[in-house]
Protein backbone atom coordinates (compact mmCIF):
# COMPACT_ATOMS: atom_id res chain seq x y z
CA MET A 1 -34.81 -2.27 -0.88
CA GLY A 2 -37.20 -0.14 0.08
CA ASN A 3 -38.96 2.58 -2.14
CA ASP A 4 -36.78 4.81 -0.40
CA THR A 5 -33.99 3.70 1.68
CA VAL A 6 -31.09 1.17 1.22
CA LYS A 7 -30.56 -1.37 4.48
CA ILE A 8 -26.69 -2.13 5.35
CA GLY A 9 -25.35 -4.82 7.30
CA LEU A 10 -21.80 -4.15 8.72
CA LEU A 11 -19.79 -7.04 9.71
CA GLY A 12 -17.25 -5.58 12.50
CA LEU A 13 -18.19 -2.59 14.68
CA GLY A 14 -14.42 -1.53 15.44
CA THR A 15 -12.47 1.74 14.42
CA VAL A 16 -13.56 1.55 10.79
CA GLY A 17 -16.91 0.05 11.18
CA GLY A 18 -17.80 2.51 13.85
CA GLY A 19 -16.62 5.36 11.66
CA VAL A 20 -18.86 3.77 8.84
CA ALA A 21 -22.09 4.03 11.34
CA GLU A 22 -21.44 7.76 12.92
CA ILE A 23 -21.21 8.93 9.35
CA LEU A 24 -24.05 7.45 8.01
CA ALA A 25 -25.96 8.82 10.72
CA GLY A 26 -24.16 12.04 10.69
CA ASN A 27 -24.36 12.82 6.85
CA GLY A 28 -27.47 10.75 6.42
CA ASP A 29 -29.84 13.70 5.17
CA GLU A 30 -27.23 14.65 2.96
CA ILE A 31 -26.58 11.51 1.47
CA LYS A 32 -30.16 11.26 0.89
CA LYS A 33 -30.19 14.37 -1.37
CA ARG A 34 -27.27 13.05 -3.37
CA LEU A 35 -28.81 9.87 -3.44
CA GLY A 36 -32.01 9.59 -3.85
CA HIS A 37 -32.33 7.11 -1.04
CA ARG A 38 -31.62 6.97 2.83
CA LEU A 39 -28.79 4.52 3.76
CA GLN A 40 -29.80 3.07 6.98
CA LEU A 41 -27.65 0.87 9.41
CA ALA A 42 -30.10 -2.20 9.83
CA GLY A 43 -27.56 -4.76 11.25
CA ALA A 44 -23.85 -5.51 12.43
CA LEU A 45 -22.22 -8.28 13.60
CA VAL A 46 -19.97 -7.83 16.73
CA ARG A 47 -18.43 -10.01 19.18
CA ASP A 48 -19.84 -8.75 22.32
CA ILE A 49 -23.39 -7.21 22.53
CA GLY A 50 -22.65 -5.87 26.18
CA LYS A 51 -19.83 -3.76 24.95
CA GLN A 52 -19.62 -0.16 25.77
CA ARG A 53 -20.17 1.48 22.54
CA ASP A 54 -21.28 5.39 21.16
CA GLY A 55 -24.31 6.17 22.25
CA SER A 56 -25.72 6.98 18.27
CA ILE A 57 -25.64 2.96 17.97
CA ASP A 58 -28.90 1.42 18.10
CA LYS A 59 -28.10 -1.69 20.63
CA ASP A 60 -31.32 -3.80 18.83
CA ILE A 61 -29.40 -3.66 15.77
CA LEU A 62 -26.23 -5.47 17.33
CA THR A 63 -26.20 -9.43 17.06
CA THR A 64 -23.38 -12.62 17.05
CA GLU A 65 -25.00 -14.28 14.59
CA PRO A 66 -23.65 -13.94 10.89
CA SER A 67 -26.59 -15.23 9.78
CA ASP A 68 -28.69 -12.15 11.02
CA ILE A 69 -26.56 -9.89 8.48
CA LEU A 70 -25.84 -12.59 5.92
CA GLU A 71 -29.39 -14.29 5.06
CA ASN A 72 -31.53 -11.38 6.21
CA PRO A 73 -33.84 -10.16 3.19
CA ASP A 74 -34.16 -7.09 4.45
CA ILE A 75 -30.18 -5.87 4.28
CA ASP A 76 -29.40 -5.49 0.85
CA ILE A 77 -25.14 -4.23 1.17
CA VAL A 78 -23.10 -6.02 3.17
CA VAL A 79 -19.92 -4.31 4.81
CA GLU A 80 -16.97 -6.37 5.51
CA VAL A 81 -14.52 -4.32 8.12
CA MET A 82 -13.97 -6.89 10.37
CA GLY A 83 -10.14 -8.22 9.12
CA SER A 84 -8.84 -11.62 8.82
CA ILE A 85 -8.99 -13.43 5.71
CA GLU A 86 -10.56 -16.81 5.63
CA THR A 87 -13.50 -16.24 7.99
CA ALA A 88 -14.31 -12.64 5.68
CA TYR A 89 -14.11 -14.76 2.49
CA GLU A 90 -16.43 -16.73 3.99
CA TYR A 91 -19.10 -14.55 5.12
CA ILE A 92 -18.45 -12.70 1.71
CA ILE A 93 -19.19 -15.59 -0.51
CA ARG A 94 -22.34 -16.50 1.68
CA ALA A 95 -23.37 -12.58 1.07
CA PHE A 96 -23.02 -13.09 -2.92
CA LYS A 97 -24.74 -16.52 -2.50
CA ASN A 98 -27.56 -14.36 -1.03
CA LYS A 99 -28.02 -11.51 -3.84
CA LYS A 100 -26.17 -8.91 -1.81
CA SER A 101 -23.61 -6.80 -2.95
CA VAL A 102 -20.26 -6.30 -0.66
CA VAL A 103 -18.22 -3.35 0.94
CA THR A 104 -14.60 -4.16 1.87
CA ALA A 105 -11.53 -2.38 3.00
CA ASN A 106 -9.64 -5.50 3.76
CA LYS A 107 -6.66 -5.83 1.74
CA ASP A 108 -5.31 -8.83 3.37
CA LEU A 109 -8.46 -10.34 1.83
CA VAL A 110 -8.56 -8.72 -1.66
CA ALA A 111 -4.75 -9.46 -2.36
CA ALA A 112 -5.17 -13.39 -1.55
CA HIS A 113 -8.49 -14.17 -2.74
CA GLY A 114 -9.52 -11.22 -5.30
CA LYS A 115 -9.80 -13.17 -8.35
CA GLU A 116 -11.94 -15.49 -6.39
CA LEU A 117 -14.79 -13.06 -4.92
CA PHE A 118 -14.37 -11.18 -8.27
CA GLU A 119 -15.83 -14.26 -9.83
CA ALA A 120 -18.27 -14.92 -7.36
CA ALA A 121 -19.37 -11.70 -7.47
CA GLU A 122 -19.93 -11.72 -11.51
CA LYS A 123 -22.04 -15.06 -11.22
CA ALA A 124 -24.08 -13.59 -8.68
CA ASN A 125 -24.30 -10.41 -10.43
CA VAL A 126 -23.97 -8.00 -7.90
CA ASP A 127 -20.94 -5.85 -6.76
CA LEU A 128 -17.71 -5.57 -4.84
CA PHE A 129 -15.99 -2.39 -3.89
CA PHE A 130 -13.01 -2.39 -2.02
CA GLU A 131 -11.95 1.36 -2.09
CA GLY A 132 -11.20 1.46 1.43
CA SER A 133 -8.47 -1.61 1.24
CA VAL A 134 -5.76 0.84 -0.29
CA ALA A 135 -4.55 4.05 0.81
CA GLY A 136 -7.64 4.94 3.56
CA GLY A 137 -9.41 7.63 2.73
CA ILE A 138 -7.42 8.56 -0.52
CA PRO A 139 -9.32 7.92 -3.99
CA ILE A 140 -7.21 5.37 -5.93
CA ILE A 141 -9.26 1.94 -6.80
CA ARG A 142 -11.69 3.80 -8.59
CA PRO A 143 -9.63 6.41 -10.41
CA LEU A 144 -7.35 3.82 -12.08
CA LYS A 145 -10.51 1.64 -12.66
CA GLU A 146 -12.74 4.43 -14.00
CA CYS A 147 -11.07 7.98 -14.37
CA LEU A 148 -7.45 6.79 -16.12
CA SER A 149 -9.20 3.63 -18.08
CA GLY A 150 -8.23 5.78 -20.94
CA ASN A 151 -4.68 5.67 -20.07
CA ARG A 152 -1.99 2.99 -20.27
CA ILE A 153 -0.59 2.80 -17.26
CA GLN A 154 3.42 3.09 -17.15
CA GLU A 155 4.12 3.34 -13.64
CA VAL A 156 2.31 3.50 -10.02
CA MET A 157 4.82 4.38 -7.26
CA GLY A 158 3.29 5.05 -3.32
CA ILE A 159 4.18 5.75 -0.33
CA ILE A 160 1.39 3.49 1.13
CA ASN A 161 2.52 2.53 4.46
CA GLY A 162 1.81 5.44 7.72
CA THR A 163 3.50 3.78 10.16
CA THR A 164 7.02 3.53 8.16
CA ASN A 165 6.46 6.90 7.13
CA TYR A 166 6.16 8.08 10.21
CA ILE A 167 9.41 6.81 11.34
CA LEU A 168 11.19 7.74 8.47
CA THR A 169 10.13 11.15 8.89
CA LYS A 170 11.23 11.43 12.39
CA MET A 171 14.64 10.07 11.64
CA THR A 172 14.67 12.58 8.89
CA TYR A 173 14.04 15.54 10.25
CA GLU A 174 14.28 15.07 14.05
CA GLY A 175 17.26 12.55 14.28
CA ARG A 176 15.93 9.60 15.45
CA GLU A 177 17.60 6.37 15.41
CA PHE A 178 15.05 3.46 13.64
CA GLN A 179 14.07 1.81 17.22
CA GLN A 180 13.64 5.55 18.57
CA ALA A 181 10.94 6.43 15.63
CA LEU A 182 9.35 3.16 16.23
CA ASP A 183 8.87 3.35 20.02
CA GLU A 184 7.52 7.08 19.17
CA ALA A 185 5.19 5.51 16.99
CA GLN A 186 3.54 3.11 18.98
CA LYS A 187 3.33 5.22 21.56
CA ARG A 188 0.93 7.64 19.25
CA GLY A 189 -1.01 4.50 18.13
CA TYR A 190 0.51 4.83 14.56
CA ALA A 191 2.45 1.50 15.20
CA GLU A 192 1.49 -1.98 16.15
CA ALA A 193 2.71 -3.51 19.27
CA ASP A 194 4.17 -6.21 16.64
CA PRO A 195 5.18 -3.45 14.00
CA THR A 196 6.70 -6.71 11.81
CA ALA A 197 3.62 -6.24 9.03
CA ASP A 198 4.21 -2.56 8.69
CA VAL A 199 8.34 -2.31 8.94
CA GLU A 200 9.37 -5.46 7.01
CA GLY A 201 6.79 -4.21 4.08
CA HIS A 202 4.20 -6.99 4.17
CA ASP A 203 1.57 -4.42 4.49
CA ALA A 204 2.56 -2.07 1.61
CA ALA A 205 3.28 -5.64 -0.61
CA ARG A 206 -0.35 -6.28 -0.56
CA LYS A 207 -1.39 -2.84 -1.17
CA ILE A 208 1.11 -2.69 -4.36
CA ALA A 209 -0.13 -5.94 -5.51
CA ILE A 210 -3.56 -4.77 -5.26
CA LEU A 211 -2.92 -1.52 -7.35
CA ALA A 212 -0.44 -3.21 -10.06
CA SER A 213 -3.14 -5.56 -10.92
CA ILE A 214 -5.83 -2.69 -11.51
CA ALA A 215 -3.39 -0.61 -13.49
CA PHE A 216 -1.59 -3.26 -15.74
CA ASN A 217 -5.09 -5.34 -16.20
CA SER A 218 -2.76 -8.71 -14.69
CA ARG A 219 -3.35 -10.38 -11.53
CA VAL A 220 -0.59 -9.46 -9.40
CA ALA A 221 -0.58 -11.43 -5.93
CA TYR A 222 1.29 -10.43 -2.80
CA ASP A 223 3.70 -13.11 -3.28
CA ASP A 224 4.69 -11.73 -6.48
CA VAL A 225 6.29 -8.75 -4.64
CA TYR A 226 9.48 -8.18 -4.09
CA MET A 227 10.09 -6.99 -0.61
CA GLU A 228 12.24 -5.11 1.85
CA GLY A 229 11.50 -3.20 4.99
CA ILE A 230 13.16 -0.43 6.48
CA THR A 231 15.05 -2.12 10.21
CA LYS A 232 18.29 -1.84 8.14
CA ILE A 233 18.11 2.08 7.74
CA ASN A 234 20.35 4.11 10.13
CA SER A 235 21.33 7.72 10.76
CA HIS A 236 24.11 7.49 8.30
CA ASP A 237 21.95 6.62 5.34
CA ILE A 238 19.63 9.47 5.86
CA GLN A 239 22.39 12.13 6.31
CA TYR A 240 23.87 10.92 3.12
CA ALA A 241 20.60 10.73 1.30
CA ARG A 242 19.98 14.67 2.30
CA GLU A 243 23.73 15.21 0.99
CA LEU A 244 22.99 13.51 -2.53
CA GLY A 245 19.52 15.98 -2.53
CA CYS A 246 17.19 13.04 -1.71
CA VAL A 247 15.09 11.66 1.39
CA VAL A 248 14.81 7.92 2.15
CA LYS A 249 10.71 6.41 1.71
CA LEU A 250 9.37 3.46 2.18
CA LEU A 251 8.03 2.88 -1.59
CA GLY A 252 5.64 0.42 -3.35
CA ILE A 253 6.77 0.76 -6.83
CA ALA A 254 4.96 -0.90 -9.82
CA LYS A 255 5.48 -0.42 -13.42
CA GLU A 256 5.02 -2.04 -16.86
CA THR A 257 8.00 -2.12 -19.26
CA ASP A 258 7.64 -3.95 -23.13
CA GLY A 259 4.65 -6.01 -21.78
CA GLU A 260 6.42 -7.29 -18.50
CA VAL A 261 5.56 -6.12 -14.93
CA GLU A 262 7.58 -5.65 -11.89
CA VAL A 263 6.06 -4.79 -8.55
CA ARG A 264 8.30 -4.32 -5.57
CA VAL A 265 8.46 -2.75 -2.08
CA HIS A 266 11.79 -1.55 -0.28
CA PRO A 267 13.30 1.88 0.74
CA CYS A 268 14.75 3.99 -2.05
CA LEU A 269 16.40 7.27 -2.16
CA ILE A 270 14.19 9.80 -4.07
CA SER A 271 14.97 13.12 -5.19
CA LYS A 272 14.09 16.39 -3.21
CA GLU A 273 12.24 17.36 -5.98
CA HIS A 274 10.25 14.27 -6.84
CA PRO A 275 6.22 14.97 -5.41
CA LEU A 276 6.34 11.96 -3.06
CA ALA A 277 9.72 13.64 -0.98
CA SER A 278 7.59 15.91 0.47
CA VAL A 279 5.09 13.09 1.95
CA LYS A 280 5.58 13.57 5.65
CA ASP A 281 4.41 11.92 8.94
CA GLU A 282 1.58 9.21 8.66
CA TYR A 283 0.40 10.76 5.53
CA ASN A 284 0.00 8.61 2.09
CA ALA A 285 0.72 9.47 -1.28
CA ILE A 286 0.30 7.44 -4.83
CA PHE A 287 1.90 8.60 -7.78
CA VAL A 288 0.72 7.69 -11.07
CA LYS A 289 2.09 8.01 -14.88
CA GLY A 290 0.01 7.44 -17.82
CA ASP A 291 0.58 8.11 -21.45
CA ALA A 292 -2.19 10.30 -21.54
CA VAL A 293 -2.65 11.99 -18.55
CA GLY A 294 0.89 12.20 -17.34
CA LYS A 295 2.04 12.23 -14.26
CA THR A 296 -0.51 13.00 -11.23
CA MET A 297 -0.58 12.28 -7.71
CA PHE A 298 -3.26 11.10 -5.12
CA TYR A 299 -2.44 12.66 -1.21
CA GLY A 300 -3.96 11.82 2.00
CA LYS A 301 -4.49 10.22 5.30
CA GLY A 302 -3.85 6.60 4.35
CA ALA A 303 -5.45 4.90 7.22
CA GLY A 304 -7.35 5.92 10.37
CA GLY A 305 -11.16 5.22 10.99
CA PHE A 306 -12.47 8.03 9.61
CA PRO A 307 -10.23 8.50 6.22
CA THR A 308 -10.77 4.66 5.70
CA ALA A 309 -14.50 4.87 6.63
CA SER A 310 -14.92 7.95 4.32
CA ALA A 311 -13.59 5.65 1.46
CA VAL A 312 -16.29 3.02 2.81
CA VAL A 313 -19.44 4.84 2.50
CA GLY A 314 -18.56 6.24 -0.84
CA ASP A 315 -18.61 2.72 -2.03
CA ILE A 316 -21.72 2.19 -0.50
CA ILE A 317 -23.31 4.86 -2.15
CA SER A 318 -22.26 3.47 -5.01
CA ALA A 319 -23.50 0.21 -4.87
CA ALA A 320 -26.74 1.74 -3.44
CA ARG A 321 -27.02 3.84 -6.66
CA ASN A 322 -26.21 0.30 -8.95
CA LEU A 323 -29.29 -1.53 -6.83
CA SER A 324 -31.35 1.61 -7.57
CA LEU A 325 -30.58 1.46 -11.43
CA GLY A 326 -30.48 -2.30 -11.71
CA THR A 327 -26.84 -1.99 -13.05
CA THR A 328 -25.30 -4.31 -10.31
CA GLY A 329 -21.99 -6.11 -11.57
CA ARG A 330 -21.10 -2.50 -13.87
CA ILE A 331 -17.46 -3.03 -13.25
CA GLY A 332 -15.72 -5.96 -12.00
CA CYS A 333 -12.58 -7.60 -12.01
CA THR A 334 -10.28 -5.71 -14.73
CA CYS A 335 -7.37 -8.37 -15.27
CA TYR A 336 -8.47 -9.65 -18.36
CA ASP A 337 -4.32 -10.03 -19.32
CA ASN A 338 -1.52 -12.37 -18.18
CA LYS A 339 1.85 -10.40 -18.02
CA ARG A 340 4.65 -11.87 -17.04
CA ILE A 341 6.07 -10.54 -14.05
CA ARG A 342 9.78 -9.79 -13.49
CA GLY A 343 11.67 -10.93 -10.93
CA ILE A 344 14.03 -8.63 -9.04
CA GLN A 345 17.31 -10.04 -10.75
CA GLU A 346 16.11 -8.61 -13.85
CA VAL A 347 14.98 -4.98 -12.56
CA ALA A 348 17.45 -1.79 -13.55
CA THR A 349 17.91 1.56 -11.54
CA LYS A 350 20.30 3.12 -9.63
CA TYR A 351 21.86 2.21 -6.20
CA TYR A 352 23.38 3.96 -3.10
CA LEU A 353 25.87 1.80 -1.42
CA ARG A 354 27.44 2.32 1.81
CA LEU A 355 30.47 0.40 2.63
CA ASN A 356 32.96 0.18 5.19
CA VAL A 357 36.84 -0.21 3.77
CA LYS A 358 40.25 -0.05 5.10
CA ASP A 359 41.83 3.57 4.31
CA ARG A 360 44.72 2.03 2.07
CA PRO A 361 46.06 3.44 -1.18
CA GLY A 362 44.14 1.51 -4.36
CA VAL A 363 40.99 0.62 -2.32
CA LEU A 364 38.74 2.90 -4.48
CA ALA A 365 40.59 1.63 -7.31
CA SER A 366 40.24 -2.16 -6.38
CA ILE A 367 36.47 -1.70 -5.87
CA ALA A 368 35.87 0.21 -9.05
CA GLY A 369 37.62 -2.37 -10.93
CA VAL A 370 35.48 -5.31 -9.88
CA PHE A 371 32.36 -3.17 -10.29
CA GLY A 372 33.72 -2.08 -14.10
CA ASN A 373 34.15 -5.92 -14.75
CA SER A 374 30.41 -6.38 -13.51
CA ASN A 375 29.22 -3.83 -16.12
CA VAL A 376 28.22 -1.61 -12.78
CA SER A 377 29.30 1.92 -13.50
CA LEU A 378 29.74 4.42 -10.69
CA GLU A 379 28.19 7.65 -10.87
CA SER A 380 29.25 9.61 -7.38
CA VAL A 381 31.88 8.38 -4.86
CA ILE A 382 31.68 10.49 -0.95
CA GLN A 383 34.35 9.49 1.66
CA LYS A 384 33.11 10.81 5.08
CA ARG A 385 33.59 9.28 8.35
CA MET A 386 36.74 7.48 9.34
CA LYS A 387 36.74 4.36 12.49
CA GLY A 388 40.50 3.78 13.10
CA GLU A 389 41.76 2.11 10.21
CA MET A 390 38.45 2.04 8.34
CA ALA A 391 36.78 4.42 6.15
CA GLU A 392 33.04 4.66 5.36
CA ILE A 393 32.51 5.52 1.79
CA VAL A 394 29.54 5.63 -0.10
CA LEU A 395 29.16 4.86 -3.97
CA VAL A 396 26.02 5.74 -6.22
CA THR A 397 25.84 3.65 -9.23
CA HIS A 398 24.24 4.38 -12.91
CA GLU A 399 21.35 2.47 -13.65
CA VAL A 400 22.06 -1.07 -13.79
CA GLN A 401 20.35 -4.36 -13.65
CA GLU A 402 19.82 -5.73 -10.43
CA SER A 403 22.05 -9.35 -11.53
CA ASN A 404 24.89 -7.34 -12.51
CA LEU A 405 25.19 -5.38 -9.26
CA ARG A 406 24.79 -8.33 -6.78
CA ASP A 407 27.69 -10.74 -8.81
CA ALA A 408 29.88 -7.47 -8.17
CA LEU A 409 28.96 -7.08 -4.36
CA SER A 410 29.36 -11.55 -3.96
CA ILE A 411 33.02 -10.31 -4.80
CA ILE A 412 33.71 -6.79 -3.06
CA GLU A 413 32.24 -8.41 0.31
CA GLY A 414 35.20 -11.27 -0.10
CA LEU A 415 37.92 -8.76 -0.31
CA SER A 416 40.21 -8.36 2.33
CA VAL A 417 39.97 -4.30 2.43
CA VAL A 418 36.28 -4.59 2.95
CA GLY A 419 34.86 -4.61 6.08
CA ASP A 420 31.48 -4.74 5.30
CA VAL A 421 28.27 -3.76 3.05
CA GLY A 422 26.74 -1.57 5.54
CA ASN A 423 23.99 -1.16 2.82
CA VAL A 424 22.27 -1.24 -0.08
CA ILE A 425 19.31 1.22 -1.34
CA ARG A 426 17.80 1.65 -4.80
CA VAL A 427 17.65 4.93 -5.92
CA GLU A 428 14.49 6.02 -7.64
CA GLY A 429 12.75 8.87 -9.11
CA SER A 430 15.44 10.67 -10.36
CA ASP A 431 14.00 11.36 -14.27
């Protein structure tokens, strides 16, 4: 670190990396006033040096050799925005061994190897920051780690995938079916050519694992998260949700109850009165409930080059400030507990059920009897559409343990009067 310059090395110069470079160039003077040091982009690892890039990027700092960044004694902070897991992990460990602090926006990496990375950073007495790994430009990692650290966090619940929120928004407000909305999201660049990671909930699961680990001070891995996607949601579910005063959202949910943690990602019916219900299109929002702060929500663009780059640059500034003060490693891993993670069978919530049944006297009574025998009580019943001899009915339960509901459904699916169970969606946010 020079007298007034902190030198930055980028691993990756794609959408986010390019955004970081542009922010450092465009806001450099203002950042220097705030920080007391200039942030200088001194190197960038790329696949192809000859690729056409923004004119503000000095081609002399580009390299295809990782050691030019990781072993360069002039570089103070390494910024990993290249993606992948194993290669990024290897490079970050090498940076730590060379006493360089690291900023990453790699949610897959943090969800998979967060524990090992924090241990390596602590051993090297350097910083590891990862604000950009969850919810793009929305500040949430640092608020949970620092601003809300005086609270016992009880719940973190959020819309943390912009692709699925965009799709569900189109289905809710413009009457699209799932595939139509997905096609539009792909045309607008909100969904990948292979949208599996988004629409099946994998992306949100990695993010809620990170948030839960921080909120509850206990390691939560991606594999600990129960996960369902949105591919089974159709226009009937959207319409029934509206009639019930709700909207359908894909939520990441983490709660602590009696010292145990539940972590899940799945579609939910959520009351229109809940703050998350009004979050539309590609926007994200994270609702946090703490014993002291009460209920609070963080809202903004959850992805994209500049929103994520904004979070990355904020972390760079924090790492640079720590370097200047000699206080690196000040806030490391906060997972000091080992709390039990509840399986989905143990979770209790309300449920929306859509069934196709034969239109005969006594059918509802027989179905209600099965639910009652499994300790599932019904809050409301809607019978709407007729298809020949079949009727589509919608049931909403009171809060019930998932294992009881599944026991009841296993019997109901075998009843001769039941055609099929069209969908089962959990209901959240009714309190």
